[in-house]
């Protein structure tokens, strides 16, 4: 078993901790790993997760990259906000604030988002901050709309009953409580492939169960009504897509639709046997794709060339 996955490993220690201030005044916890001046990568986690979700990518990439991770509002060390502070616009605002705080003006980076983190990229696709800083994007295990209609978590045929039950799960107010053998089995069924190693299930369980209930519920209600199809069509930077073939939360139908709609799609990688938590379930594949994108699209020094664009290579 890789050192990255041993339960007694502490989360990676950041070189710097920053606070980004979003458009509505929300404070966003930001960590920077690696060396100043190295090619930059910005990682955005999904619903109920936090910066620790990217531990495998941080440990690998920080050796020769500058890795920026942040807690979505209400998650991890980013404080909760008022009831009206949870929206796709807030996701985009927060990402812009993080980019402005952690990167130099005009600096280009690879942006990778998992699940709600990928939705963050879609929500911000028209934003000046994303267009200034995104050299390329990686979307992992995500969807742009119809999340509850397409979800396979509830083992029923598609229809009104399954949709109502899925909506209830997303908005469930019951506390998750401590991690137990039963809760691990439930989490594995809903979010991971059947062959996922126990150590990886444990990592995800500890992260998800640490999410504050108020944020989990508030963001769950946002996801239930998600419609970012227009944002996909406006994501006009080179974008790669990764998804697991056993993903029940955002099944492959979402990844395939996103890949078809992206203006500059670099291809869809389907990871056989993987579920929704691809950066933890298949860390080597996700990290390798990020490295490919950096090599192909992040110019030396992180700044644009004379014509304002990085030289492209085929990484599909």
Protein backbone atom coordinates (compact mmCIF):
# COMPACT_ATOMS: atom_id res chain seq x y z
CA UNK A 1 0.00 0.00 0.00
CA UNK A 2 1.30 3.45 -0.94
CA UNK A 3 2.53 5.70 1.82
CA UNK A 4 -0.14 8.17 0.67
CA UNK A 5 -2.88 5.88 1.90
CA UNK A 6 -1.62 4.76 5.30
CA UNK A 7 -4.11 5.74 7.98
CA UNK A 8 -1.39 6.97 10.33
CA UNK A 9 -0.17 9.56 7.81
CA UNK A 10 -0.95 13.14 8.76
CA UNK A 11 -2.40 15.38 6.04
CA UNK A 12 0.26 17.25 4.03
CA UNK A 13 1.59 20.33 5.82
CA UNK A 14 1.17 23.47 3.71
CA UNK A 15 4.06 25.80 3.04
CA UNK A 16 1.67 28.72 3.52
CA UNK A 17 -1.89 29.27 4.72
CA UNK A 18 -3.85 32.18 3.30
CA UNK A 19 -7.33 33.62 3.62
CA UNK A 20 -9.21 34.71 0.49
CA UNK A 21 -12.12 37.11 0.88
CA UNK A 22 -15.01 36.37 -1.48
CA UNK A 23 -17.35 38.90 -3.08
CA UNK A 24 -19.85 38.72 -0.20
CA UNK A 25 -17.16 38.88 2.48
CA UNK A 26 -17.00 35.12 3.09
CA UNK A 27 -13.57 33.95 4.26
CA UNK A 28 -12.07 31.05 2.32
CA UNK A 29 -9.24 28.96 3.78
CA UNK A 30 -6.42 28.49 1.26
CA UNK A 31 -3.28 26.36 1.46
CA UNK A 32 -0.22 26.56 -0.77
CA UNK A 33 2.06 23.52 -0.98
CA UNK A 34 5.39 23.26 -2.78
CA UNK A 35 7.90 25.84 -3.87
CA UNK A 36 7.32 29.41 -5.02
CA UNK A 37 7.97 29.80 -8.72
CA UNK A 38 7.03 26.23 -9.63
CA UNK A 39 4.18 25.58 -12.11
CA UNK A 40 0.85 26.13 -10.36
CA UNK A 41 -2.08 23.77 -9.88
CA UNK A 42 -5.33 24.76 -8.16
CA UNK A 43 -7.51 21.95 -6.74
CA UNK A 44 -11.18 22.39 -5.81
CA UNK A 45 -12.88 19.66 -3.75
CA UNK A 46 -16.45 18.41 -3.84
CA UNK A 47 -19.53 18.33 -1.64
CA UNK A 48 -18.87 17.25 1.99
CA UNK A 49 -15.10 17.12 1.45
CA UNK A 50 -12.16 19.41 2.33
CA UNK A 51 -8.52 20.04 1.40
CA UNK A 52 -7.47 16.64 2.83
CA UNK A 53 -9.36 14.99 -0.03
CA UNK A 54 -6.46 15.97 -2.31
CA UNK A 55 -3.72 14.55 -0.02
CA UNK A 56 -2.41 12.09 -2.61
CA UNK A 57 -2.22 14.74 -5.32
CA UNK A 58 -0.57 17.25 -2.96
CA UNK A 59 2.14 14.83 -1.86
CA UNK A 60 3.00 13.87 -5.44
CA UNK A 61 2.66 17.22 -7.18
CA UNK A 62 4.19 19.48 -4.51
CA UNK A 63 7.60 17.94 -5.21
CA UNK A 64 7.86 20.01 -8.41
CA UNK A 65 4.65 22.10 -8.55
CA UNK A 66 3.03 24.78 -6.46
CA UNK A 67 -0.27 23.26 -5.35
CA UNK A 68 -3.10 25.50 -4.19
CA UNK A 69 -6.02 23.89 -2.37
CA UNK A 70 -8.93 25.52 -0.58
CA UNK A 71 -11.96 24.64 1.50
CA UNK A 72 -15.28 25.41 -0.14
CA UNK A 73 -17.38 27.72 2.05
CA UNK A 74 -18.83 25.89 5.04
CA UNK A 75 -16.34 23.02 4.65
CA UNK A 76 -13.10 22.39 6.50
CA UNK A 77 -11.63 25.65 7.78
CA UNK A 78 -13.82 27.93 5.66
CA UNK A 79 -16.57 29.27 7.95
CA UNK A 80 -20.25 28.72 7.33
CA UNK A 81 -22.26 31.59 5.85
CA UNK A 82 -25.88 32.68 6.04
CA UNK A 83 -28.70 30.74 4.43
CA UNK A 84 -28.54 32.84 1.24
CA UNK A 85 -24.78 32.39 0.88
CA UNK A 86 -24.88 29.00 -0.84
CA UNK A 87 -25.25 29.11 -4.62
CA UNK A 88 -23.40 28.40 -7.84
CA UNK A 89 -22.58 32.11 -8.05
CA UNK A 90 -20.92 31.79 -4.63
CA UNK A 91 -18.83 28.87 -5.93
CA UNK A 92 -17.61 31.08 -8.78
CA UNK A 93 -17.01 34.06 -6.47
CA UNK A 94 -14.94 31.94 -4.10
CA UNK A 95 -12.81 30.48 -6.89
CA UNK A 96 -12.09 33.95 -8.26
CA UNK A 97 -11.08 35.09 -4.78
CA UNK A 98 -8.75 32.11 -4.34
CA UNK A 99 -7.11 32.68 -7.73
CA UNK A 100 -6.58 36.36 -7.00
CA UNK A 101 -5.11 35.57 -3.57
CA UNK A 102 -2.84 32.65 -4.41
CA UNK A 103 -1.64 33.50 -7.93
CA UNK A 104 0.20 36.46 -9.39
CA UNK A 105 -1.66 38.73 -11.86
CA UNK A 106 -1.72 36.99 -15.23
CA UNK A 107 -0.26 33.76 -13.85
CA UNK A 108 -1.64 30.66 -15.55
CA UNK A 109 -2.38 27.39 -13.76
CA UNK A 110 -4.12 24.07 -14.26
CA UNK A 111 -7.44 24.04 -12.40
CA UNK A 112 -8.82 20.66 -11.32
CA UNK A 113 -12.21 20.17 -9.70
CA UNK A 114 -13.86 17.07 -8.28
CA UNK A 115 -17.68 16.82 -8.19
CA UNK A 116 -18.86 20.18 -6.79
CA UNK A 117 -15.34 21.42 -7.46
CA UNK A 118 -15.87 20.66 -11.14
CA UNK A 119 -19.20 22.45 -10.97
CA UNK A 120 -17.24 25.40 -9.59
CA UNK A 121 -15.26 25.57 -12.84
CA UNK A 122 -18.48 25.46 -14.86
CA UNK A 123 -20.07 28.17 -12.71
CA UNK A 124 -17.00 30.38 -13.16
CA UNK A 125 -16.55 29.75 -16.89
CA UNK A 126 -17.59 33.27 -17.85
CA UNK A 127 -15.65 34.96 -15.04
CA UNK A 128 -12.68 37.18 -15.77
CA UNK A 129 -10.68 35.52 -12.99
CA UNK A 130 -10.95 32.07 -14.50
CA UNK A 131 -10.16 33.31 -17.99
CA UNK A 132 -7.12 35.17 -16.67
CA UNK A 133 -5.66 32.27 -14.71
CA UNK A 134 -6.87 28.97 -16.22
CA UNK A 135 -4.40 27.44 -18.66
CA UNK A 136 -6.37 24.18 -18.68
CA UNK A 137 -9.03 22.47 -16.60
CA UNK A 138 -9.60 18.92 -15.36
CA UNK A 139 -13.16 17.91 -14.44
CA UNK A 140 -13.33 14.81 -12.22
CA UNK A 141 -16.54 12.88 -11.52
CA UNK A 142 -18.97 15.72 -11.98
CA UNK A 143 -22.18 16.78 -13.69
CA UNK A 144 -23.78 19.98 -14.92
CA UNK A 145 -27.52 19.31 -14.46
CA UNK A 146 -30.16 16.63 -13.74
CA UNK A 147 -28.13 15.29 -10.82
CA UNK A 148 -31.05 13.80 -8.92
CA UNK A 149 -32.81 12.51 -12.04
CA UNK A 150 -29.72 10.61 -13.23
CA UNK A 151 -28.34 9.47 -9.86
CA UNK A 152 -28.13 5.71 -9.33
CA UNK A 153 -27.70 5.80 -5.56
CA UNK A 154 -31.32 4.72 -5.01
CA UNK A 155 -31.61 1.24 -6.61
CA UNK A 156 -34.89 1.85 -8.42
CA UNK A 157 -35.85 2.44 -12.04
CA UNK A 158 -35.66 6.04 -13.23
CA UNK A 159 -38.80 7.97 -12.44
CA UNK A 160 -40.58 10.23 -9.97
CA UNK A 161 -40.17 7.93 -6.96
CA UNK A 162 -36.41 7.56 -7.41
CA UNK A 163 -36.04 11.30 -7.99
CA UNK A 164 -37.97 12.17 -4.80
CA UNK A 165 -35.91 9.73 -2.75
CA UNK A 166 -32.63 11.06 -4.16
CA UNK A 167 -33.70 14.63 -3.43
CA UNK A 168 -34.45 13.63 0.15
CA UNK A 169 -30.97 12.12 0.52
CA UNK A 170 -29.27 15.27 -0.75
CA UNK A 171 -31.22 17.43 1.68
CA UNK A 172 -31.20 15.03 4.64
CA UNK A 173 -30.73 16.89 7.93
CA UNK A 174 -29.85 13.88 10.07
CA UNK A 175 -26.30 14.01 11.50
CA UNK A 176 -23.85 11.53 10.03
CA UNK A 177 -22.37 10.74 13.43
CA UNK A 178 -19.10 8.86 13.98
CA UNK A 179 -17.53 6.62 11.37
CA UNK A 180 -18.66 3.04 11.97
CA UNK A 181 -18.48 -0.19 9.97
CA UNK A 182 -22.10 0.39 8.88
CA UNK A 183 -21.50 4.00 7.83
CA UNK A 184 -18.39 2.95 5.90
CA UNK A 185 -20.40 0.35 3.99
CA UNK A 186 -23.10 2.91 3.17
CA UNK A 187 -20.55 5.48 2.01
CA UNK A 188 -18.73 2.90 -0.10
CA UNK A 189 -21.96 1.80 -1.77
CA UNK A 190 -23.00 5.36 -2.59
CA UNK A 191 -19.69 6.90 -3.58
CA UNK A 192 -17.00 4.32 -4.39
CA UNK A 193 -16.37 1.30 -6.57
CA UNK A 194 -16.98 -2.18 -5.24
CA UNK A 195 -13.27 -2.99 -5.33
CA UNK A 196 -12.12 0.09 -3.40
CA UNK A 197 -9.48 -0.72 -0.80
CA UNK A 198 -10.58 -0.44 2.86
CA UNK A 199 -7.92 2.21 3.50
CA UNK A 200 -9.35 4.41 0.76
CA UNK A 201 -12.89 3.94 2.02
CA UNK A 202 -11.70 4.96 5.49
CA UNK A 203 -10.06 8.13 4.12
CA UNK A 204 -13.26 9.19 2.40
CA UNK A 205 -15.45 8.29 5.38
CA UNK A 206 -13.40 10.39 7.79
CA UNK A 207 -13.47 13.36 5.43
CA UNK A 208 -17.20 13.19 4.65
CA UNK A 209 -18.25 12.63 8.28
CA UNK A 210 -16.25 15.73 9.30
CA UNK A 211 -18.38 18.00 7.11
CA UNK A 212 -20.63 20.29 9.18
CA UNK A 213 -24.27 19.31 8.84
CA UNK A 214 -25.49 22.84 7.95
CA UNK A 215 -23.12 23.13 5.01
CA UNK A 216 -23.88 19.61 3.84
CA UNK A 217 -27.61 20.33 3.78
CA UNK A 218 -27.29 23.80 2.25
CA UNK A 219 -25.07 22.62 -0.59
CA UNK A 220 -27.18 19.50 -1.09
CA UNK A 221 -30.18 21.71 -1.82
CA UNK A 222 -28.14 23.69 -4.36
CA UNK A 223 -27.03 20.50 -6.10
CA UNK A 224 -30.60 19.23 -6.30
CA UNK A 225 -31.51 22.19 -8.51
CA UNK A 226 -28.24 22.44 -10.42
CA UNK A 227 -28.26 23.70 -14.00
CA UNK A 228 -24.82 24.62 -15.33
CA UNK A 229 -25.22 23.38 -18.90
CA UNK A 230 -24.63 26.89 -20.23
CA UNK A 231 -21.49 27.12 -18.11
CA UNK A 232 -20.07 24.00 -19.78
CA UNK A 233 -20.54 25.57 -23.20
CA UNK A 234 -18.70 28.70 -22.01
CA UNK A 235 -15.71 26.85 -20.54
CA UNK A 236 -13.45 27.88 -23.40
CA UNK A 237 -10.12 26.58 -22.14
CA UNK A 238 -8.64 23.16 -22.89
CA UNK A 239 -10.53 20.77 -20.63
CA UNK A 240 -10.09 17.08 -19.86
CA UNK A 241 -12.74 14.91 -18.19
CA UNK A 242 -12.27 11.89 -15.89
CA UNK A 243 -15.03 9.65 -14.52
CA UNK A 244 -15.43 6.25 -12.92
CA UNK A 245 -17.50 3.57 -14.63
CA UNK A 246 -19.18 2.66 -11.29
CA UNK A 247 -20.05 6.22 -10.24
CA UNK A 248 -23.56 6.21 -8.77
CA UNK A 249 -23.67 9.89 -7.74
CA UNK A 250 -22.72 11.34 -11.13
CA UNK A 251 -22.94 8.41 -13.57
CA UNK A 252 -21.04 8.34 -16.85
CA UNK A 253 -23.97 9.92 -18.68
CA UNK A 254 -22.90 13.23 -17.14
CA UNK A 255 -19.22 12.96 -18.13
CA UNK A 256 -20.14 12.00 -21.67
CA UNK A 257 -22.57 14.91 -22.00
CA UNK A 258 -20.00 17.36 -20.64
CA UNK A 259 -17.29 16.06 -22.97
CA UNK A 260 -19.64 16.46 -25.94
CA UNK A 261 -20.60 20.03 -24.98
CA UNK A 262 -17.17 21.46 -24.09
CA UNK A 263 -15.79 23.87 -26.73
CA UNK A 264 -12.23 22.53 -26.32
CA UNK A 265 -12.46 19.02 -24.92
CA UNK A 266 -9.23 17.05 -24.59
CA UNK A 267 -11.06 13.77 -24.18
CA UNK A 268 -12.87 11.68 -21.59
CA UNK A 269 -10.98 9.11 -19.50
CA UNK A 270 -13.28 6.39 -18.13
CA UNK A 271 -11.71 4.62 -15.14
CA UNK A 272 -12.94 1.02 -15.04
CA UNK A 273 -14.32 -0.07 -11.68
CA UNK A 274 -13.95 3.33 -10.03
CA UNK A 275 -16.78 5.14 -8.30
CA UNK A 276 -17.35 8.83 -7.57
CA UNK A 277 -14.24 9.52 -5.45
CA UNK A 278 -11.73 9.20 -8.28
CA UNK A 279 -8.90 11.37 -6.79
CA UNK A 280 -8.81 8.99 -3.80
CA UNK A 281 -9.79 5.77 -5.58
CA UNK A 282 -7.42 6.26 -8.53
CA UNK A 283 -4.91 8.88 -7.35
CA UNK A 284 -2.21 7.88 -9.81
CA UNK A 285 -4.51 8.36 -12.82
CA UNK A 286 -5.81 11.72 -11.65
CA UNK A 287 -2.36 13.03 -10.75
CA UNK A 288 -0.92 11.85 -14.07
CA UNK A 289 -3.60 13.73 -15.98
CA UNK A 290 -2.89 16.90 -14.02
CA UNK A 291 0.82 16.54 -14.81
CA UNK A 292 0.04 16.08 -18.50
CA UNK A 293 -2.01 19.26 -18.54
CA UNK A 294 0.70 21.26 -16.77
CA UNK A 295 3.34 20.02 -19.22
CA UNK A 296 1.21 20.88 -22.23
CA UNK A 297 -0.46 24.12 -21.20
CA UNK A 298 1.35 25.95 -18.40
CA UNK A 299 4.07 28.15 -19.93
CA UNK A 300 7.45 28.60 -18.29
CA UNK A 301 7.08 30.96 -15.36
CA UNK A 302 3.29 30.62 -15.43
CA UNK A 303 2.75 33.72 -17.60
CA UNK A 304 1.14 33.89 -21.03
CA UNK A 305 3.18 34.14 -24.17
CA UNK A 306 3.22 37.22 -26.37
CA UNK A 307 -0.05 36.29 -28.05
CA UNK A 308 -1.80 35.73 -24.71
CA UNK A 309 -2.10 31.98 -24.96
CA UNK A 310 0.03 29.04 -23.95
CA UNK A 311 1.32 26.78 -26.68
CA UNK A 312 -0.90 23.71 -26.88
CA UNK A 313 0.01 20.06 -27.19
CA UNK A 314 -2.35 17.13 -27.68
CA UNK A 315 -2.84 15.49 -24.28
CA UNK A 316 -6.05 13.65 -25.08
